[in-house]
């Protein structure tokens, strides 16, 4: 019995490695895709049903950047709350409903102003609305009615404070799927940002300050080392 289980585990591991290797081999082709082409997740659907494939592809592309965002947030969480309070920023009632880990993102959005452009120029959007662009709440045993065309985190639990699982919602009406993440919000946020690079999806302009900040942490250099 143990021998059979070991053989099955090894077979699954080899199968996963084969998927990873073949996916990485397609990177040059994926890099040639244009914004109007079919989305990468439709042309390469193994990203949707192979756990960890987005991470593997990102890490192969940016080998020194894989852990930097998570490491930064783990190290600086208390400081982010402290700076937000010092700046006189206060979470709204709906923001306070979220799990403590998610409040870190809300604080970052306060510190990195959000804006949107219209025919009258650039105008701010609320931090509360910016947070809604990134994450939604999903009650237990439910699925979203619409697959997201732009990656979005779904937090599933009995309440916003009691989150049991995080997913990445991405796809189209014909091919949408909830990609499972690890059990923490930082893992989900990490996968969220990586997915934009892997899927070659343009981030929302109103969140440009946040995405620029994350890219500088993960892809260019560690920021705020003296924070």
Protein backbone atom coordinates (compact mmCIF):
# COMPACT_ATOMS: atom_id res chain seq x y z
CA UNK A 1 0.00 0.00 0.00
CA UNK A 2 2.78 2.43 0.96
CA UNK A 3 4.73 1.48 -2.17
CA UNK A 4 1.69 2.16 -4.39
CA UNK A 5 1.11 5.51 -2.71
CA UNK A 6 4.76 6.47 -3.24
CA UNK A 7 4.59 5.51 -6.93
CA UNK A 8 1.43 7.57 -7.37
CA UNK A 9 3.04 10.58 -5.65
CA UNK A 10 6.13 10.34 -7.86
CA UNK A 11 3.97 9.99 -10.95
CA UNK A 12 1.99 13.11 -10.03
CA UNK A 13 5.20 15.02 -9.29
CA UNK A 14 6.64 14.08 -12.69
CA UNK A 15 3.37 15.08 -14.37
CA UNK A 16 3.42 18.47 -12.64
CA UNK A 17 7.05 19.04 -13.58
CA UNK A 18 6.23 18.15 -17.19
CA UNK A 19 3.43 20.76 -17.23
CA UNK A 20 5.75 23.38 -15.71
CA UNK A 21 8.56 22.66 -18.20
CA UNK A 22 6.25 22.74 -21.22
CA UNK A 23 4.57 25.93 -20.04
CA UNK A 24 7.88 27.72 -19.51
CA UNK A 25 8.91 26.67 -23.02
CA UNK A 26 5.94 28.66 -24.38
CA UNK A 27 7.05 31.91 -22.76
CA UNK A 28 8.57 33.44 -25.90
CA UNK A 29 5.34 32.76 -27.79
CA UNK A 30 3.28 34.28 -24.99
CA UNK A 31 5.49 37.36 -24.94
CA UNK A 32 4.61 37.97 -28.61
CA UNK A 33 0.88 38.11 -27.90
CA UNK A 34 -0.85 41.46 -28.36
CA UNK A 35 -3.54 43.01 -26.12
CA UNK A 36 -6.28 42.18 -28.66
CA UNK A 37 -5.28 38.52 -28.88
CA UNK A 38 -7.10 35.78 -27.00
CA UNK A 39 -6.28 35.96 -23.27
CA UNK A 40 -3.34 33.82 -22.19
CA UNK A 41 -5.52 31.79 -19.80
CA UNK A 42 -7.67 30.72 -22.79
CA UNK A 43 -4.72 29.81 -24.99
CA UNK A 44 -2.87 28.12 -22.11
CA UNK A 45 -5.63 26.80 -19.81
CA UNK A 46 -3.22 24.78 -17.67
CA UNK A 47 -2.64 28.05 -15.78
CA UNK A 48 -6.20 27.70 -14.53
CA UNK A 49 -6.19 24.09 -13.40
CA UNK A 50 -2.59 23.51 -12.29
CA UNK A 51 -1.99 24.70 -8.74
CA UNK A 52 1.13 26.87 -8.45
CA UNK A 53 1.75 27.25 -12.20
CA UNK A 54 1.43 31.04 -12.08
CA UNK A 55 4.07 31.12 -9.31
CA UNK A 56 6.41 28.80 -11.21
CA UNK A 57 6.16 30.85 -14.40
CA UNK A 58 6.70 34.14 -12.57
CA UNK A 59 9.66 32.77 -10.63
CA UNK A 60 11.25 31.49 -13.83
CA UNK A 61 10.81 34.92 -15.39
CA UNK A 62 11.90 36.91 -12.33
CA UNK A 63 14.00 34.48 -10.24
CA UNK A 64 15.11 37.07 -7.67
CA UNK A 65 11.70 38.63 -7.14
CA UNK A 66 9.56 35.69 -6.04
CA UNK A 67 9.43 36.31 -2.26
CA UNK A 68 10.15 40.03 -2.05
CA UNK A 69 6.57 41.31 -1.81
CA UNK A 70 5.55 38.82 0.87
CA UNK A 71 8.76 39.42 2.80
CA UNK A 72 8.24 43.19 2.66
CA UNK A 73 4.65 43.03 3.90
CA UNK A 74 5.49 40.57 6.67
CA UNK A 75 8.32 42.80 7.85
CA UNK A 76 6.53 46.13 7.48
CA UNK A 77 2.92 45.37 8.49
CA UNK A 78 3.15 47.09 11.88
CA UNK A 79 4.94 50.06 10.35
CA UNK A 80 2.31 50.42 7.62
CA UNK A 81 -0.41 50.63 10.28
CA UNK A 82 1.71 53.08 12.27
CA UNK A 83 2.36 55.40 9.31
CA UNK A 84 -1.30 55.30 8.28
CA UNK A 85 -2.35 56.39 11.77
CA UNK A 86 0.34 59.09 11.86
CA UNK A 87 -0.99 60.44 8.56
CA UNK A 88 -4.43 60.75 10.11
CA UNK A 89 -5.98 58.16 7.79
CA UNK A 90 -8.88 56.19 9.19
CA UNK A 91 -10.46 53.04 7.83
CA UNK A 92 -14.12 53.34 6.87
CA UNK A 93 -16.81 51.22 8.52
CA UNK A 94 -16.85 48.73 5.62
CA UNK A 95 -13.05 48.44 5.65
CA UNK A 96 -13.08 47.63 9.36
CA UNK A 97 -15.36 44.66 8.59
CA UNK A 98 -12.45 42.87 6.89
CA UNK A 99 -9.95 40.45 8.42
CA UNK A 100 -6.93 42.19 9.97
CA UNK A 101 -4.57 41.02 7.19
CA UNK A 102 -6.72 42.67 4.51
CA UNK A 103 -6.65 45.96 6.38
CA UNK A 104 -2.93 46.16 5.52
CA UNK A 105 -3.89 46.52 1.85
CA UNK A 106 -6.44 49.20 2.75
CA UNK A 107 -3.71 51.13 4.57
CA UNK A 108 -1.38 50.85 1.57
CA UNK A 109 -4.12 52.26 -0.63
CA UNK A 110 -4.44 55.20 1.77
CA UNK A 111 -0.69 55.83 1.55
CA UNK A 112 -0.59 55.39 -2.25
CA UNK A 113 -3.40 57.64 -3.53
CA UNK A 114 -5.77 56.20 -6.12
CA UNK A 115 -7.00 58.17 -9.11
CA UNK A 116 -8.83 57.82 -12.40
CA UNK A 117 -8.82 59.85 -15.62
CA UNK A 118 -11.82 61.22 -17.46
CA UNK A 119 -12.37 63.97 -20.02
CA UNK A 120 -12.02 66.53 -17.27
CA UNK A 121 -8.61 65.24 -16.27
CA UNK A 122 -7.48 63.09 -13.35
CA UNK A 123 -9.70 62.65 -10.32
CA UNK A 124 -9.39 60.59 -7.15
CA UNK A 125 -11.45 57.55 -6.34
CA UNK A 126 -12.04 56.55 -2.77
CA UNK A 127 -9.76 54.08 -1.06
CA UNK A 128 -12.86 52.04 -0.25
CA UNK A 129 -13.72 51.71 -3.96
CA UNK A 130 -10.10 50.93 -4.80
CA UNK A 131 -10.17 48.06 -2.29
CA UNK A 132 -13.32 46.72 -3.98
CA UNK A 133 -11.44 46.63 -7.29
CA UNK A 134 -8.97 44.16 -5.78
CA UNK A 135 -10.99 41.92 -3.46
CA UNK A 136 -14.56 40.69 -3.03
CA UNK A 137 -16.22 38.66 -0.31
CA UNK A 138 -17.66 35.26 -1.21
CA UNK A 139 -19.99 33.40 1.20
CA UNK A 140 -19.35 29.69 1.86
CA UNK A 141 -20.29 27.17 -0.86
CA UNK A 142 -20.92 29.88 -3.42
CA UNK A 143 -19.27 30.79 -6.72
CA UNK A 144 -19.12 34.22 -8.35
CA UNK A 145 -21.87 34.92 -10.87
CA UNK A 146 -19.39 36.36 -13.36
CA UNK A 147 -15.79 35.41 -14.08
CA UNK A 148 -13.44 38.37 -13.82
CA UNK A 149 -11.82 39.67 -17.01
CA UNK A 150 -9.14 41.23 -14.82
CA UNK A 151 -7.68 39.17 -11.94
CA UNK A 152 -9.46 39.70 -8.64
CA UNK A 153 -9.10 38.16 -5.18
CA UNK A 154 -12.10 36.40 -3.68
CA UNK A 155 -12.14 35.90 0.09
CA UNK A 156 -14.46 33.10 1.15
CA UNK A 157 -15.73 32.60 4.68
CA UNK A 158 -18.63 33.01 7.06
CA UNK A 159 -17.91 36.74 7.34
CA UNK A 160 -15.31 39.27 6.20
CA UNK A 161 -13.48 38.79 9.50
CA UNK A 162 -13.67 35.00 9.34
CA UNK A 163 -12.05 34.15 6.01
CA UNK A 164 -11.29 30.47 5.42
CA UNK A 165 -9.99 30.46 1.84
CA UNK A 166 -8.72 32.84 -0.81
CA UNK A 167 -9.09 32.43 -4.57
CA UNK A 168 -8.03 34.28 -7.68
CA UNK A 169 -11.00 34.90 -9.96
CA UNK A 170 -10.02 35.23 -13.61
CA UNK A 171 -11.40 34.16 -16.98
CA UNK A 172 -14.32 34.92 -19.26
CA UNK A 173 -17.96 33.94 -19.38
CA UNK A 174 -16.91 30.84 -21.35
CA UNK A 175 -13.85 29.92 -19.35
CA UNK A 176 -13.76 31.16 -15.80
CA UNK A 177 -12.32 29.46 -12.80
CA UNK A 178 -11.38 30.09 -9.21
CA UNK A 179 -7.67 29.51 -8.85
CA UNK A 180 -6.94 28.40 -5.27
CA UNK A 181 -4.19 30.15 -3.35
CA UNK A 182 -2.48 29.30 -0.10
CA UNK A 183 -4.36 29.94 3.13
CA UNK A 184 -3.28 33.52 3.87
CA UNK A 185 -4.19 36.86 2.38
CA UNK A 186 -0.53 37.66 1.72
CA UNK A 187 -0.31 34.54 -0.45
CA UNK A 188 -3.44 35.63 -2.32
CA UNK A 189 -2.14 39.17 -2.78
CA UNK A 190 1.19 37.81 -3.97
CA UNK A 191 -0.55 35.60 -6.57
CA UNK A 192 -2.78 38.52 -7.59
CA UNK A 193 0.13 40.77 -8.53
CA UNK A 194 2.08 37.95 -10.19
CA UNK A 195 -0.91 37.05 -12.36
CA UNK A 196 -0.87 40.43 -14.08
CA UNK A 197 2.68 39.77 -15.28
CA UNK A 198 2.06 36.15 -16.25
CA UNK A 199 -1.21 36.87 -18.08
CA UNK A 200 0.08 40.15 -19.57
CA UNK A 201 -2.97 42.00 -18.27
CA UNK A 202 -2.79 45.77 -17.93
CA UNK A 203 -3.54 46.92 -14.41
CA UNK A 204 -6.29 49.44 -13.79
CA UNK A 205 -4.97 53.00 -14.23
CA UNK A 206 -6.63 54.10 -10.99
CA UNK A 207 -4.44 51.60 -9.13
CA UNK A 208 -1.23 52.64 -10.88
CA UNK A 209 0.44 53.97 -7.72
CA UNK A 210 -0.09 50.66 -5.93
CA UNK A 211 1.16 48.57 -8.86
CA UNK A 212 4.18 50.82 -9.40
CA UNK A 213 5.01 50.48 -5.71
CA UNK A 214 4.75 46.69 -5.80
CA UNK A 215 6.85 46.47 -8.95
CA UNK A 216 9.58 48.53 -7.33
CA UNK A 217 9.60 46.21 -4.32
CA UNK A 218 9.49 42.95 -6.25
CA UNK A 219 11.17 43.73 -9.55
CA UNK A 220 13.51 46.67 -9.12
CA UNK A 221 14.68 47.05 -5.53
CA UNK A 222 13.42 47.01 -1.98
CA UNK A 223 11.84 50.36 -1.15
CA UNK A 224 11.52 52.11 2.17
CA UNK A 225 14.36 50.22 3.80
CA UNK A 226 14.47 52.91 6.45
CA UNK A 227 10.70 52.97 6.93
